[in-house]
């Protein structure tokens, strides 16, 4: 994250967008409700591909196929980073299959806050992230305990 392209810059660099996607993806893996974060990641990757700033490299077998026996994900390269996203029907026709994921490769480390990453990606894509809903708690009235004499039933 460079100071020249800080929070006030008009257009973030491809490197900054890749770092923001990496940050959002990392937090989504541990989030209690990751749907918004994964949606933001997918929209940003789709827009980068559309603009020619990212490239679909091929298909990988998914390490966590869920209920199916085998599932594939699209491998997308953005700068020095690689990400997986769900495939579309045409991806199976157009992309070659790369086999199983190489667990030796790691994306470069980055230190970007989640709030900054979400702001940057929201600004880049135009997709607004809804703030997390906090449960509204209504104060409960304290109820005095009821004591029954010994030998009496509670029912």
C-alpha atoms as a PDB file:
ATOM      1  CA  UNK A   1       0.000   0.000   0.000  1.00  0.00           C
ATOM      2  CA  UNK A   2       1.717   3.147  -1.173  1.00  0.00           C
ATOM      3  CA  UNK A   3       1.195   6.612   0.244  1.00  0.00           C
ATOM      4  CA  UNK A   4       0.870   8.110  -3.241  1.00  0.00           C
ATOM      5  CA  UNK A   5      -2.238   6.023  -3.842  1.00  0.00           C
ATOM      6  CA  UNK A   6      -3.679   6.433  -0.343  1.00  0.00           C
ATOM      7  CA  UNK A   7      -7.291   6.826   0.736  1.00  0.00           C
ATOM      8  CA  UNK A   8      -7.753  10.042  -1.243  1.00  0.00           C
ATOM      9  CA  UNK A   9      -6.429   8.790  -4.594  1.00  0.00           C
ATOM     10  CA  UNK A  10      -8.734   8.677  -7.606  1.00  0.00           C
ATOM     11  CA  UNK A  11      -7.737   5.334  -9.084  1.00  0.00           C
ATOM     12  CA  UNK A  12      -6.037   2.603  -7.074  1.00  0.00           C
ATOM     13  CA  UNK A  13      -3.284   0.612  -8.740  1.00  0.00           C
ATOM     14  CA  UNK A  14      -3.777  -3.016  -9.778  1.00  0.00           C
ATOM     15  CA  UNK A  15      -1.344  -3.978  -7.001  1.00  0.00           C
ATOM     16  CA  UNK A  16      -3.466  -2.175  -4.381  1.00  0.00           C
ATOM     17  CA  UNK A  17      -6.650  -3.793  -5.681  1.00  0.00           C
ATOM     18  CA  UNK A  18      -4.969  -7.231  -5.524  1.00  0.00           C
ATOM     19  CA  UNK A  19      -3.872  -6.550  -1.936  1.00  0.00           C
ATOM     20  CA  UNK A  20      -7.415  -5.470  -1.049  1.00  0.00           C
ATOM     21  CA  UNK A  21      -8.886  -8.643  -2.589  1.00  0.00           C
ATOM     22  CA  UNK A  22      -6.307 -10.709  -0.677  1.00  0.00           C
ATOM     23  CA  UNK A  23      -7.270  -8.980   2.586  1.00  0.00           C
ATOM     24  CA  UNK A  24     -11.006  -9.407   2.014  1.00  0.00           C
ATOM     25  CA  UNK A  25     -10.514 -13.075   1.050  1.00  0.00           C
ATOM     26  CA  UNK A  26      -8.365 -13.780   4.125  1.00  0.00           C
ATOM     27  CA  UNK A  27     -10.963 -12.259   6.459  1.00  0.00           C
ATOM     28  CA  UNK A  28     -13.866 -13.987   4.688  1.00  0.00           C
ATOM     29  CA  UNK A  29     -12.401 -17.399   5.487  1.00  0.00           C
ATOM     30  CA  UNK A  30     -12.840 -16.768   9.234  1.00  0.00           C
ATOM     31  CA  UNK A  31     -15.928 -14.534   9.155  1.00  0.00           C
ATOM     32  CA  UNK A  32     -19.178 -15.756  10.725  1.00  0.00           C
ATOM     33  CA  UNK A  33     -21.122 -14.491   7.675  1.00  0.00           C
ATOM     34  CA  UNK A  34     -18.656 -14.360   4.746  1.00  0.00           C
ATOM     35  CA  UNK A  35     -21.202 -13.944   1.934  1.00  0.00           C
ATOM     36  CA  UNK A  36     -20.759 -10.151   1.538  1.00  0.00           C
ATOM     37  CA  UNK A  37     -16.965 -10.413   1.515  1.00  0.00           C
ATOM     38  CA  UNK A  38     -16.928 -13.204  -1.071  1.00  0.00           C
ATOM     39  CA  UNK A  39     -19.422 -11.262  -3.210  1.00  0.00           C
ATOM     40  CA  UNK A  40     -17.188  -8.177  -3.098  1.00  0.00           C
ATOM     41  CA  UNK A  41     -14.173 -10.329  -4.061  1.00  0.00           C
ATOM     42  CA  UNK A  42     -16.028 -11.902  -6.998  1.00  0.00           C
ATOM     43  CA  UNK A  43     -17.333  -8.556  -8.310  1.00  0.00           C
ATOM     44  CA  UNK A  44     -13.834  -7.023  -8.101  1.00  0.00           C
ATOM     45  CA  UNK A  45     -12.242 -10.002  -9.903  1.00  0.00           C
ATOM     46  CA  UNK A  46     -14.924  -9.942 -12.622  1.00  0.00           C
ATOM     47  CA  UNK A  47     -14.339  -6.223 -13.185  1.00  0.00           C
ATOM     48  CA  UNK A  48     -10.545  -6.674 -13.331  1.00  0.00           C
ATOM     49  CA  UNK A  49     -10.970  -9.473 -15.896  1.00  0.00           C
ATOM     50  CA  UNK A  50     -13.347  -7.323 -17.938  1.00  0.00           C
ATOM     51  CA  UNK A  51     -10.818  -4.453 -17.939  1.00  0.00           C
ATOM     52  CA  UNK A  52      -7.965  -6.791 -18.908  1.00  0.00           C
ATOM     53  CA  UNK A  53      -6.090  -6.210 -15.631  1.00  0.00           C
ATOM     54  CA  UNK A  54      -6.536  -9.824 -14.496  1.00  0.00           C
ATOM     55  CA  UNK A  55      -6.343 -13.110 -16.357  1.00  0.00           C
ATOM     56  CA  UNK A  56      -8.113 -16.433 -15.977  1.00  0.00           C
ATOM     57  CA  UNK A  57      -5.260 -18.953 -15.916  1.00  0.00           C
ATOM     58  CA  UNK A  58      -7.206 -22.213 -15.842  1.00  0.00           C
ATOM     59  CA  UNK A  59      -9.234 -24.552 -13.666  1.00  0.00           C
ATOM     60  CA  UNK A  60      -8.138 -26.218 -10.424  1.00  0.00           C
ATOM     61  CA  UNK A  61      -9.783 -29.035  -8.528  1.00  0.00           C
ATOM     62  CA  UNK A  62     -11.325 -27.558  -5.387  1.00  0.00           C
ATOM     63  CA  UNK A  63      -9.680 -28.748  -2.152  1.00  0.00           C
ATOM     64  CA  UNK A  64     -13.110 -28.576  -0.403  1.00  0.00           C
ATOM     65  CA  UNK A  65     -15.702 -29.872  -2.860  1.00  0.00           C
ATOM     66  CA  UNK A  66     -18.543 -29.893  -0.327  1.00  0.00           C
ATOM     67  CA  UNK A  67     -21.248 -32.419  -1.105  1.00  0.00           C
ATOM     68  CA  UNK A  68     -20.043 -33.220  -4.623  1.00  0.00           C
ATOM     69  CA  UNK A  69     -17.279 -35.689  -5.442  1.00  0.00           C
ATOM     70  CA  UNK A  70     -15.252 -33.215  -7.474  1.00  0.00           C
ATOM     71  CA  UNK A  71     -15.530 -29.515  -8.128  1.00  0.00           C
ATOM     72  CA  UNK A  72     -13.364 -27.061 -10.027  1.00  0.00           C
ATOM     73  CA  UNK A  73     -12.539 -23.412  -9.383  1.00  0.00           C
ATOM     74  CA  UNK A  74     -11.162 -20.812 -11.801  1.00  0.00           C
ATOM     75  CA  UNK A  75      -7.620 -19.653 -11.032  1.00  0.00           C
ATOM     76  CA  UNK A  76      -7.280 -15.898 -11.640  1.00  0.00           C
ATOM     77  CA  UNK A  77      -3.996 -13.974 -11.614  1.00  0.00           C
ATOM     78  CA  UNK A  78      -3.927 -10.310 -10.586  1.00  0.00           C
ATOM     79  CA  UNK A  79      -0.421  -8.879 -10.485  1.00  0.00           C
ATOM     80  CA  UNK A  80       1.616 -11.096  -8.125  1.00  0.00           C
ATOM     81  CA  UNK A  81      -1.519 -12.623  -6.558  1.00  0.00           C
ATOM     82  CA  UNK A  82      -3.607 -15.672  -7.453  1.00  0.00           C
ATOM     83  CA  UNK A  83      -7.226 -16.180  -6.434  1.00  0.00           C
ATOM     84  CA  UNK A  84      -9.915 -18.778  -6.960  1.00  0.00           C
ATOM     85  CA  UNK A  85     -13.473 -17.989  -7.936  1.00  0.00           C
ATOM     86  CA  UNK A  86     -16.494 -20.058  -8.943  1.00  0.00           C
ATOM     87  CA  UNK A  87     -16.499 -21.066 -12.616  1.00  0.00           C
ATOM     88  CA  UNK A  88     -19.089 -20.127 -15.225  1.00  0.00           C
ATOM     89  CA  UNK A  89     -20.317 -22.622 -17.834  1.00  0.00           C
ATOM     90  CA  UNK A  90     -18.142 -21.135 -20.571  1.00  0.00           C
ATOM     91  CA  UNK A  91     -15.024 -21.459 -18.385  1.00  0.00           C
ATOM     92  CA  UNK A  92     -15.154 -25.250 -18.725  1.00  0.00           C
ATOM     93  CA  UNK A  93     -15.091 -24.886 -22.520  1.00  0.00           C
ATOM     94  CA  UNK A  94     -12.506 -22.102 -22.778  1.00  0.00           C
ATOM     95  CA  UNK A  95      -9.978 -22.881 -20.009  1.00  0.00           C
ATOM     96  CA  UNK A  96      -7.596 -25.788 -19.644  1.00  0.00           C
ATOM     97  CA  UNK A  97      -7.658 -27.856 -16.466  1.00  0.00           C
ATOM     98  CA  UNK A  98      -4.522 -27.461 -14.352  1.00  0.00           C
ATOM     99  CA  UNK A  99      -5.225 -30.430 -12.043  1.00  0.00           C
ATOM    100  CA  UNK A 100      -4.773 -30.186  -8.297  1.00  0.00           C
ATOM    101  CA  UNK A 101      -3.790 -27.038  -6.423  1.00  0.00           C
ATOM    102  CA  UNK A 102      -0.085 -26.494  -5.748  1.00  0.00           C
ATOM    103  CA  UNK A 103       0.123 -26.043  -1.975  1.00  0.00           C
ATOM    104  CA  UNK A 104       3.735 -24.819  -2.198  1.00  0.00           C
ATOM    105  CA  UNK A 105       2.756 -21.431  -3.643  1.00  0.00           C
ATOM    106  CA  UNK A 106       1.655 -18.630  -1.323  1.00  0.00           C
ATOM    107  CA  UNK A 107       0.439 -15.155  -2.206  1.00  0.00           C
ATOM    108  CA  UNK A 108       2.709 -12.323  -0.999  1.00  0.00           C
ATOM    109  CA  UNK A 109       1.969 -11.100   2.513  1.00  0.00           C
ATOM    110  CA  UNK A 110       0.218  -7.790   2.849  1.00  0.00           C
ATOM    111  CA  UNK A 111      -0.730  -5.531   5.722  1.00  0.00           C
ATOM    112  CA  UNK A 112      -3.957  -3.780   4.837  1.00  0.00           C
ATOM    113  CA  UNK A 113      -6.868  -3.277   7.183  1.00  0.00           C
ATOM    114  CA  UNK A 114     -10.151  -4.916   6.293  1.00  0.00           C
ATOM    115  CA  UNK A 115     -12.042  -1.628   6.519  1.00  0.00           C
ATOM    116  CA  UNK A 116      -9.646   0.058   4.057  1.00  0.00           C
ATOM    117  CA  UNK A 117      -9.768  -2.956   1.721  1.00  0.00           C
ATOM    118  CA  UNK A 118     -13.579  -2.947   1.703  1.00  0.00           C
ATOM    119  CA  UNK A 119     -13.657   0.823   1.067  1.00  0.00           C
ATOM    120  CA  UNK A 120     -11.146   0.519  -1.778  1.00  0.00           C
ATOM    121  CA  UNK A 121     -12.988  -2.367  -3.463  1.00  0.00           C
ATOM    122  CA  UNK A 122     -16.388  -0.715  -2.954  1.00  0.00           C
ATOM    123  CA  UNK A 123     -15.101   2.463  -4.553  1.00  0.00           C
ATOM    124  CA  UNK A 124     -13.490   0.513  -7.421  1.00  0.00           C
ATOM    125  CA  UNK A 125     -16.513  -1.689  -8.177  1.00  0.00           C
ATOM    126  CA  UNK A 126     -19.333   0.621  -7.146  1.00  0.00           C
ATOM    127  CA  UNK A 127     -20.718  -2.224  -4.993  1.00  0.00           C
ATOM    128  CA  UNK A 128     -21.653  -0.971  -1.542  1.00  0.00           C
ATOM    129  CA  UNK A 129     -20.980  -3.267   1.396  1.00  0.00           C
ATOM    130  CA  UNK A 130     -23.767  -3.250   3.952  1.00  0.00           C
ATOM    131  CA  UNK A 131     -22.586  -2.698   7.515  1.00  0.00           C
ATOM    132  CA  UNK A 132     -22.798  -5.774   9.703  1.00  0.00           C
ATOM    133  CA  UNK A 133     -26.077  -5.986  11.542  1.00  0.00           C
ATOM    134  CA  UNK A 134     -25.581  -6.048  15.269  1.00  0.00           C
ATOM    135  CA  UNK A 135     -28.242  -7.853  17.216  1.00  0.00           C
ATOM    136  CA  UNK A 136     -30.585  -5.393  18.864  1.00  0.00           C
ATOM    137  CA  UNK A 137     -30.914  -6.344  22.470  1.00  0.00           C
ATOM    138  CA  UNK A 138     -33.815  -5.106  24.509  1.00  0.00           C
ATOM    139  CA  UNK A 139     -33.107  -4.735  28.198  1.00  0.00           C
ATOM    140  CA  UNK A 140     -34.906  -7.433  30.114  1.00  0.00           C
ATOM    141  CA  UNK A 141     -36.663  -6.698  33.367  1.00  0.00           C
ATOM    142  CA  UNK A 142     -35.154  -8.416  36.321  1.00  0.00           C
ATOM    143  CA  UNK A 143     -37.511 -11.013  37.650  1.00  0.00           C
ATOM    144  CA  UNK A 144     -37.274 -11.914  41.313  1.00  0.00           C
ATOM    145  CA  UNK A 145     -36.738 -15.611  41.979  1.00  0.00           C
ATOM    146  CA  UNK A 146     -39.663 -17.613  43.297  1.00  0.00           C
ATOM    147  CA  UNK A 147     -38.930 -19.739  46.352  1.00  0.00           C
ATOM    148  CA  UNK A 148     -41.189 -22.628  47.316  1.00  0.00           C
ATOM    149  CA  UNK A 149     -41.237 -24.100  50.780  1.00  0.00           C
ATOM    150  CA  UNK A 150     -39.355 -27.366  51.168  1.00  0.00           C
ATOM    151  CA  UNK A 151     -41.373 -30.368  50.091  1.00  0.00           C
ATOM    152  CA  UNK A 152     -43.648 -28.404  47.716  1.00  0.00           C
ATOM    153  CA  UNK A 153     -43.619 -29.155  43.995  1.00  0.00           C
ATOM    154  CA  UNK A 154     -42.450 -26.608  41.422  1.00  0.00           C
ATOM    155  CA  UNK A 155     -45.163 -27.770  39.014  1.00  0.00           C
END
